[in-house]
Amino acid sequence: MPDIARALAIGSAVLMGISFAIWANWLRGPLLQRLDGQRESNAGPAAIAIKFLMAALGLSAVAAVLAIVGWISP
């Protein structure tokens, strides 16, 4: 059980890193310019980053539960 929890925790960390990379690239990317001269942000990459972050949260929660169950039961 601890091995599965460790693997899920590593997967969660990888997903969190991917989410951060998408978010950081989105911050540096060009903003769209509307016809009235104002800038509009491109929300597509931010939505993908949020989905990866939520998946990382779910995986880390499962990993934590498995680790606690493995710690309690011999």
PDB file of N, CA and C in Angstrom:
ATOM      1  N   MET A   1       0.809  -1.195   0.000  1.00  0.00           N
ATOM      2  CA  MET A   1       0.000   0.000   0.000  1.00  0.00           C
ATOM      3  C   MET A   1       0.860   1.271   0.000  1.00  0.00           C
ATOM      4  N   PRO A   2       1.938   1.318   0.772  1.00  0.00           N
ATOM      5  CA  PRO A   2       2.766   2.533   0.733  1.00  0.00           C
ATOM      6  C   PRO A   2       3.402   2.781  -0.634  1.00  0.00           C
ATOM      7  N   ASP A   3       3.673   1.695  -1.376  1.00  0.00           N
ATOM      8  CA  ASP A   3       4.254   1.872  -2.708  1.00  0.00           C
ATOM      9  C   ASP A   3       3.259   2.531  -3.662  1.00  0.00           C
ATOM     10  N   ILE A   4       2.000   2.120  -3.555  1.00  0.00           N
ATOM     11  CA  ILE A   4       0.960   2.725  -4.398  1.00  0.00           C
ATOM     12  C   ILE A   4       0.780   4.186  -4.014  1.00  0.00           C
ATOM     13  N   ALA A   5       0.767   4.477  -2.718  1.00  0.00           N
ATOM     14  CA  ALA A   5       0.614   5.858  -2.257  1.00  0.00           C
ATOM     15  C   ALA A   5       1.782   6.713  -2.731  1.00  0.00           C
ATOM     16  N   ARG A   6       2.984   6.155  -2.704  1.00  0.00           N
ATOM     17  CA  ARG A   6       4.160   6.899  -3.160  1.00  0.00           C
ATOM     18  C   ARG A   6       4.077   7.171  -4.668  1.00  0.00           C
ATOM     19  N   ALA A   7       3.631   6.174  -5.435  1.00  0.00           N
ATOM     20  CA  ALA A   7       3.497   6.352  -6.884  1.00  0.00           C
ATOM     21  C   ALA A   7       2.443   7.412  -7.208  1.00  0.00           C
ATOM     22  N   LEU A   8       1.326   7.389  -6.480  1.00  0.00           N
ATOM     23  CA  LEU A   8       0.291   8.410  -6.698  1.00  0.00           C
ATOM     24  C   LEU A   8       0.795   9.797  -6.300  1.00  0.00           C
ATOM     25  N   ALA A   9       1.572   9.880  -5.245  1.00  0.00           N
ATOM     26  CA  ALA A   9       2.123  11.169  -4.825  1.00  0.00           C
ATOM     27  C   ALA A   9       3.086  11.719  -5.875  1.00  0.00           C
ATOM     28  N   ILE A  10       3.894  10.847  -6.462  1.00  0.00           N
ATOM     29  CA  ILE A  10       4.811  11.290  -7.524  1.00  0.00           C
ATOM     30  C   ILE A  10       4.021  11.730  -8.743  1.00  0.00           C
ATOM     31  N   GLY A  11       2.968  10.987  -9.087  1.00  0.00           N
ATOM     32  CA  GLY A  11       2.105  11.390 -10.198  1.00  0.00           C
ATOM     33  C   GLY A  11       1.444  12.729  -9.942  1.00  0.00           C
ATOM     34  N   SER A  12       1.042  12.953  -8.713  1.00  0.00           N
ATOM     35  CA  SER A  12       0.441  14.235  -8.345  1.00  0.00           C
ATOM     36  C   SER A  12       1.452  15.377  -8.478  1.00  0.00           C
ATOM     37  N   ALA A  13       2.681  15.129  -8.068  1.00  0.00           N
ATOM     38  CA  ALA A  13       3.717  16.155  -8.193  1.00  0.00           C
ATOM     39  C   ALA A  13       4.014  16.458  -9.661  1.00  0.00           C
ATOM     40  N   VAL A  14       3.994  15.427 -10.495  1.00  0.00           N
ATOM     41  CA  VAL A  14       4.216  15.643 -11.932  1.00  0.00           C
ATOM     42  C   VAL A  14       3.082  16.473 -12.520  1.00  0.00           C
ATOM     43  N   LEU A  15       1.850  16.145 -12.174  1.00  0.00           N
ATOM     44  CA  LEU A  15       0.718  16.925 -12.672  1.00  0.00           C
ATOM     45  C   LEU A  15       0.770  18.372 -12.187  1.00  0.00           C
ATOM     46  N   MET A  16       1.200  18.571 -10.952  1.00  0.00           N
ATOM     47  CA  MET A  16       1.315  19.929 -10.436  1.00  0.00           C
ATOM     48  C   MET A  16       2.408  20.705 -11.174  1.00  0.00           C
ATOM     49  N   GLY A  17       3.503  20.031 -11.496  1.00  0.00           N
ATOM     50  CA  GLY A  17       4.562  20.670 -12.276  1.00  0.00           C
ATOM     51  C   GLY A  17       4.095  21.029 -13.676  1.00  0.00           C
ATOM     52  N   ILE A  18       3.337  20.136 -14.317  1.00  0.00           N
ATOM     53  CA  ILE A  18       2.792  20.439 -15.641  1.00  0.00           C
ATOM     54  C   ILE A  18       1.852  21.629 -15.563  1.00  0.00           C
ATOM     55  N   SER A  19       1.014  21.651 -14.534  1.00  0.00           N
ATOM     56  CA  SER A  19       0.089  22.770 -14.350  1.00  0.00           C
ATOM     57  C   SER A  19       0.838  24.086 -14.185  1.00  0.00           C
ATOM     58  N   PHE A  20       1.910  24.061 -13.393  1.00  0.00           N
ATOM     59  CA  PHE A  20       2.704  25.287 -13.203  1.00  0.00           C
ATOM     60  C   PHE A  20       3.368  25.716 -14.502  1.00  0.00           C
ATOM     61  N   ALA A  21       3.858  24.754 -15.288  1.00  0.00           N
ATOM     62  CA  ALA A  21       4.509  25.093 -16.555  1.00  0.00           C
ATOM     63  C   ALA A  21       3.515  25.716 -17.537  1.00  0.00           C
ATOM     64  N   ILE A  22       2.312  25.167 -17.594  1.00  0.00           N
ATOM     65  CA  ILE A  22       1.288  25.746 -18.475  1.00  0.00           C
ATOM     66  C   ILE A  22       0.933  27.149 -18.009  1.00  0.00           C
ATOM     67  N   TRP A  23       0.779  27.325 -16.706  1.00  0.00           N
ATOM     68  CA  TRP A  23       0.412  28.633 -16.170  1.00  0.00           C
ATOM     69  C   TRP A  23       1.514  29.664 -16.402  1.00  0.00           C
ATOM     70  N   ALA A  24       2.774  29.269 -16.210  1.00  0.00           N
ATOM     71  CA  ALA A  24       3.891  30.194 -16.411  1.00  0.00           C
ATOM     72  C   ALA A  24       4.019  30.571 -17.880  1.00  0.00           C
ATOM     73  N   ASN A  25       3.812  29.615 -18.771  1.00  0.00           N
ATOM     74  CA  ASN A  25       3.874  29.908 -20.203  1.00  0.00           C
ATOM     75  C   ASN A  25       2.711  30.805 -20.610  1.00  0.00           C
ATOM     76  N   TRP A  26       1.561  30.624 -19.976  1.00  0.00           N
ATOM     77  CA  TRP A  26       0.400  31.449 -20.277  1.00  0.00           C
ATOM     78  C   TRP A  26       0.633  32.904 -19.864  1.00  0.00           C
ATOM     79  N   LEU A  27       1.354  33.107 -18.757  1.00  0.00           N
ATOM     80  CA  LEU A  27       1.619  34.469 -18.300  1.00  0.00           C
ATOM     81  C   LEU A  27       2.526  35.228 -19.268  1.00  0.00           C
ATOM     82  N   ARG A  28       3.462  34.504 -19.883  1.00  0.00           N
ATOM     83  CA  ARG A  28       4.389  35.160 -20.796  1.00  0.00           C
ATOM     84  C   ARG A  28       3.833  35.309 -22.207  1.00  0.00           C
ATOM     85  N   GLY A  29       2.782  34.551 -22.514  1.00  0.00           N
ATOM     86  CA  GLY A  29       2.234  34.547 -23.872  1.00  0.00           C
ATOM     87  C   GLY A  29       1.598  35.878 -24.230  1.00  0.00           C
ATOM     88  N   PRO A  30       1.426  36.118 -25.522  1.00  0.00           N
ATOM     89  CA  PRO A  30       0.816  37.380 -25.953  1.00  0.00           C
ATOM     90  C   PRO A  30      -0.667  37.413 -25.613  1.00  0.00           C
ATOM     91  N   LEU A  31      -1.131  38.584 -25.289  1.00  0.00           N
ATOM     92  CA  LEU A  31      -2.545  38.762 -25.016  1.00  0.00           C
ATOM     93  C   LEU A  31      -3.251  39.148 -26.318  1.00  0.00           C
ATOM     94  N   LEU A  32      -4.476  38.732 -26.437  1.00  0.00           N
ATOM     95  CA  LEU A  32      -5.243  39.072 -27.619  1.00  0.00           C
ATOM     96  C   LEU A  32      -5.665  40.536 -27.547  1.00  0.00           C
ATOM     97  N   GLN A  33      -5.674  41.207 -28.675  1.00  0.00           N
ATOM     98  CA  GLN A  33      -6.084  42.602 -28.695  1.00  0.00           C
ATOM     99  C   GLN A  33      -7.403  42.711 -29.441  1.00  0.00           C
ATOM    100  N   ARG A  34      -8.360  43.358 -28.805  1.00  0.00           N
ATOM    101  CA  ARG A  34      -9.674  43.516 -29.417  1.00  0.00           C
ATOM    102  C   ARG A  34      -9.657  44.720 -30.340  1.00  0.00           C
ATOM    103  N   LEU A  35     -10.732  44.890 -31.073  1.00  0.00           N
ATOM    104  CA  LEU A  35     -10.802  45.983 -32.047  1.00  0.00           C
ATOM    105  C   LEU A  35     -10.856  47.356 -31.380  1.00  0.00           C
ATOM    106  N   ASP A  36     -11.332  47.423 -30.141  1.00  0.00           N
ATOM    107  CA  ASP A  36     -11.402  48.714 -29.456  1.00  0.00           C
ATOM    108  C   ASP A  36     -10.090  49.090 -28.774  1.00  0.00           C
ATOM    109  N   GLY A  37      -9.041  48.272 -28.952  1.00  0.00           N
ATOM    110  CA  GLY A  37      -7.723  48.606 -28.427  1.00  0.00           C
ATOM    111  C   GLY A  37      -7.423  48.014 -27.068  1.00  0.00           C
ATOM    112  N   GLN A  38      -8.411  47.450 -26.382  1.00  0.00           N
ATOM    113  CA  GLN A  38      -8.173  46.840 -25.078  1.00  0.00           C
ATOM    114  C   GLN A  38      -7.648  45.428 -25.256  1.00  0.00           C
ATOM    115  N   ARG A  39      -6.943  44.959 -24.259  1.00  0.00           N
ATOM    116  CA  ARG A  39      -6.420  43.599 -24.307  1.00  0.00           C
ATOM    117  C   ARG A  39      -7.402  42.644 -23.640  1.00  0.00           C
ATOM    118  N   GLU A  40      -7.466  41.454 -24.205  1.00  0.00           N
ATOM    119  CA  GLU A  40      -8.296  40.410 -23.625  1.00  0.00           C
ATOM    120  C   GLU A  40      -7.413  39.194 -23.398  1.00  0.00           C
ATOM    121  N   SER A  41      -7.538  38.593 -22.235  1.00  0.00           N
ATOM    122  CA  SER A  41      -6.667  37.453 -21.932  1.00  0.00           C
ATOM    123  C   SER A  41      -7.203  36.197 -22.603  1.00  0.00           C
ATOM    124  N   ASN A  42      -6.297  35.300 -22.894  1.00  0.00           N
ATOM    125  CA  ASN A  42      -6.644  34.014 -23.461  1.00  0.00           C
ATOM    126  C   ASN A  42      -6.832  33.043 -22.308  1.00  0.00           C
ATOM    127  N   ALA A  43      -8.066  32.695 -22.010  1.00  0.00           N
ATOM    128  CA  ALA A  43      -8.370  31.894 -20.823  1.00  0.00           C
ATOM    129  C   ALA A  43      -8.231  30.395 -21.063  1.00  0.00           C
ATOM    130  N   GLY A  44      -7.962  29.967 -22.277  1.00  0.00           N
ATOM    131  CA  GLY A  44      -7.851  28.541 -22.579  1.00  0.00           C
ATOM    132  C   GLY A  44      -6.752  27.844 -21.803  1.00  0.00           C
ATOM    133  N   PRO A  45      -5.501  28.317 -21.864  1.00  0.00           N
ATOM    134  CA  PRO A  45      -4.436  27.650 -21.101  1.00  0.00           C
ATOM    135  C   PRO A  45      -4.659  27.689 -19.593  1.00  0.00           C
ATOM    136  N   ALA A  46      -5.274  28.736 -19.100  1.00  0.00           N
ATOM    137  CA  ALA A  46      -5.538  28.806 -17.664  1.00  0.00           C
ATOM    138  C   ALA A  46      -6.537  27.730 -17.252  1.00  0.00           C
ATOM    139  N   ALA A  47      -7.513  27.466 -18.089  1.00  0.00           N
ATOM    140  CA  ALA A  47      -8.496  26.430 -17.781  1.00  0.00           C
ATOM    141  C   ALA A  47      -7.845  25.050 -17.783  1.00  0.00           C
ATOM    142  N   ILE A  48      -6.937  24.814 -18.716  1.00  0.00           N
ATOM    143  CA  ILE A  48      -6.225  23.530 -18.753  1.00  0.00           C
ATOM    144  C   ILE A  48      -5.342  23.380 -17.518  1.00  0.00           C
ATOM    145  N   ALA A  49      -4.673  24.465 -17.127  1.00  0.00           N
ATOM    146  CA  ALA A  49      -3.820  24.419 -15.936  1.00  0.00           C
ATOM    147  C   ALA A  49      -4.646  24.120 -14.691  1.00  0.00           C
ATOM    148  N   ILE A  50      -5.840  24.681 -14.605  1.00  0.00           N
ATOM    149  CA  ILE A  50      -6.705  24.428 -13.456  1.00  0.00           C
ATOM    150  C   ILE A  50      -7.150  22.968 -13.430  1.00  0.00           C
ATOM    151  N   LYS A  51      -7.441  22.401 -14.608  1.00  0.00           N
ATOM    152  CA  LYS A  51      -7.841  20.992 -14.657  1.00  0.00           C
ATOM    153  C   LYS A  51      -6.704  20.076 -14.205  1.00  0.00           C
ATOM    154  N   PHE A  52      -5.483  20.376 -14.641  1.00  0.00           N
ATOM    155  CA  PHE A  52      -4.337  19.584 -14.188  1.00  0.00           C
ATOM    156  C   PHE A  52      -4.129  19.746 -12.687  1.00  0.00           C
ATOM    157  N   LEU A  53      -4.330  20.949 -12.179  1.00  0.00           N
ATOM    158  CA  LEU A  53      -4.161  21.196 -10.749  1.00  0.00           C
ATOM    159  C   LEU A  53      -5.215  20.453  -9.932  1.00  0.00           C
ATOM    160  N   MET A  54      -6.443  20.414 -10.417  1.00  0.00           N
ATOM    161  CA  MET A  54      -7.490  19.685  -9.708  1.00  0.00           C
ATOM    162  C   MET A  54      -7.240  18.177  -9.753  1.00  0.00           C
ATOM    163  N   ALA A  55      -6.712  17.676 -10.876  1.00  0.00           N
ATOM    164  CA  ALA A  55      -6.351  16.257 -10.942  1.00  0.00           C
ATOM    165  C   ALA A  55      -5.229  15.947  -9.957  1.00  0.00           C
ATOM    166  N   ALA A  56      -4.270  16.854  -9.838  1.00  0.00           N
ATOM    167  CA  ALA A  56      -3.184  16.669  -8.871  1.00  0.00           C
ATOM    168  C   ALA A  56      -3.724  16.671  -7.445  1.00  0.00           C
ATOM    169  N   LEU A  57      -4.693  17.518  -7.168  1.00  0.00           N
ATOM    170  CA  LEU A  57      -5.305  17.558  -5.843  1.00  0.00           C
ATOM    171  C   LEU A  57      -6.001  16.243  -5.532  1.00  0.00           C
ATOM    172  N   GLY A  58      -6.744  15.708  -6.499  1.00  0.00           N
ATOM    173  CA  GLY A  58      -7.429  14.435  -6.296  1.00  0.00           C
ATOM    174  C   GLY A  58      -6.458  13.286  -6.072  1.00  0.00           C
ATOM    175  N   LEU A  59      -5.394  13.237  -6.893  1.00  0.00           N
ATOM    176  CA  LEU A  59      -4.400  12.179  -6.718  1.00  0.00           C
ATOM    177  C   LEU A  59      -3.697  12.273  -5.377  1.00  0.00           C
ATOM    178  N   SER A  60      -3.388  13.484  -4.950  1.00  0.00           N
ATOM    179  CA  SER A  60      -2.707  13.626  -3.662  1.00  0.00           C
ATOM    180  C   SER A  60      -3.626  13.254  -2.503  1.00  0.00           C
ATOM    181  N   ALA A  61      -4.923  13.509  -2.641  1.00  0.00           N
ATOM    182  CA  ALA A  61      -5.862  13.109  -1.593  1.00  0.00           C
ATOM    183  C   ALA A  61      -5.949  11.589  -1.498  1.00  0.00           C
ATOM    184  N   VAL A  62      -6.018  10.924  -2.644  1.00  0.00           N
ATOM    185  CA  VAL A  62      -6.054   9.459  -2.645  1.00  0.00           C
ATOM    186  C   VAL A  62      -4.752   8.900  -2.075  1.00  0.00           C
ATOM    187  N   ALA A  63      -3.627   9.506  -2.447  1.00  0.00           N
ATOM    188  CA  ALA A  63      -2.340   9.053  -1.928  1.00  0.00           C
ATOM    189  C   ALA A  63      -2.265   9.229  -0.412  1.00  0.00           C
ATOM    190  N   ALA A  64      -2.801  10.336   0.083  1.00  0.00           N
ATOM    191  CA  ALA A  64      -2.782  10.568   1.529  1.00  0.00           C
ATOM    192  C   ALA A  64      -3.645   9.544   2.260  1.00  0.00           C
ATOM    193  N   VAL A  65      -4.821   9.249   1.719  1.00  0.00           N
ATOM    194  CA  VAL A  65      -5.696   8.264   2.354  1.00  0.00           C
ATOM    195  C   VAL A  65      -5.035   6.889   2.354  1.00  0.00           C
ATOM    196  N   LEU A  66      -4.440   6.504   1.222  1.00  0.00           N
ATOM    197  CA  LEU A  66      -3.764   5.211   1.161  1.00  0.00           C
ATOM    198  C   LEU A  66      -2.573   5.144   2.117  1.00  0.00           C
ATOM    199  N   ALA A  67      -1.851   6.234   2.245  1.00  0.00           N
ATOM    200  CA  ALA A  67      -0.716   6.257   3.167  1.00  0.00           C
ATOM    201  C   ALA A  67      -1.172   6.127   4.612  1.00  0.00           C
ATOM    202  N   ILE A  68      -2.248   6.801   4.952  1.00  0.00           N
ATOM    203  CA  ILE A  68      -2.758   6.717   6.329  1.00  0.00           C
ATOM    204  C   ILE A  68      -3.306   5.320   6.618  1.00  0.00           C
ATOM    205  N   VAL A  69      -4.029   4.741   5.664  1.00  0.00           N
ATOM    206  CA  VAL A  69      -4.550   3.387   5.846  1.00  0.00           C
ATOM    207  C   VAL A  69      -3.397   2.394   5.965  1.00  0.00           C
ATOM    208  N   GLY A  70      -2.368   2.556   5.148  1.00  0.00           N
ATOM    209  CA  GLY A  70      -1.200   1.681   5.235  1.00  0.00           C
ATOM    210  C   GLY A  70      -0.429   1.857   6.528  1.00  0.00           C
ATOM    211  N   TRP A  71      -0.475   3.047   7.086  1.00  0.00           N
ATOM    212  CA  TRP A  71       0.226   3.319   8.348  1.00  0.00           C
ATOM    213  C   TRP A  71      -0.528   2.728   9.538  1.00  0.00           C
ATOM    214  N   ILE A  72      -1.871   2.801   9.463  1.00  0.00           N
ATOM    215  CA  ILE A  72      -2.679   2.303  10.573  1.00  0.00           C
ATOM    216  C   ILE A  72      -2.741   0.790  10.576  1.00  0.00           C
ATOM    217  N   SER A  73      -3.029   0.196   9.422  1.00  0.00           N
ATOM    218  CA  SER A  73      -3.149  -1.265   9.374  1.00  0.00           C
ATOM    219  C   SER A  73      -1.791  -1.888   9.040  1.00  0.00           C
ATOM    220  N   PRO A  74      -1.421  -2.906   9.765  1.00  0.00           N
ATOM    221  CA  PRO A  74      -0.100  -3.512   9.541  1.00  0.00           C
ATOM    222  C   PRO A  74      -0.015  -4.334   8.278  1.00  0.00           C
TER     223      PRO A  74
END
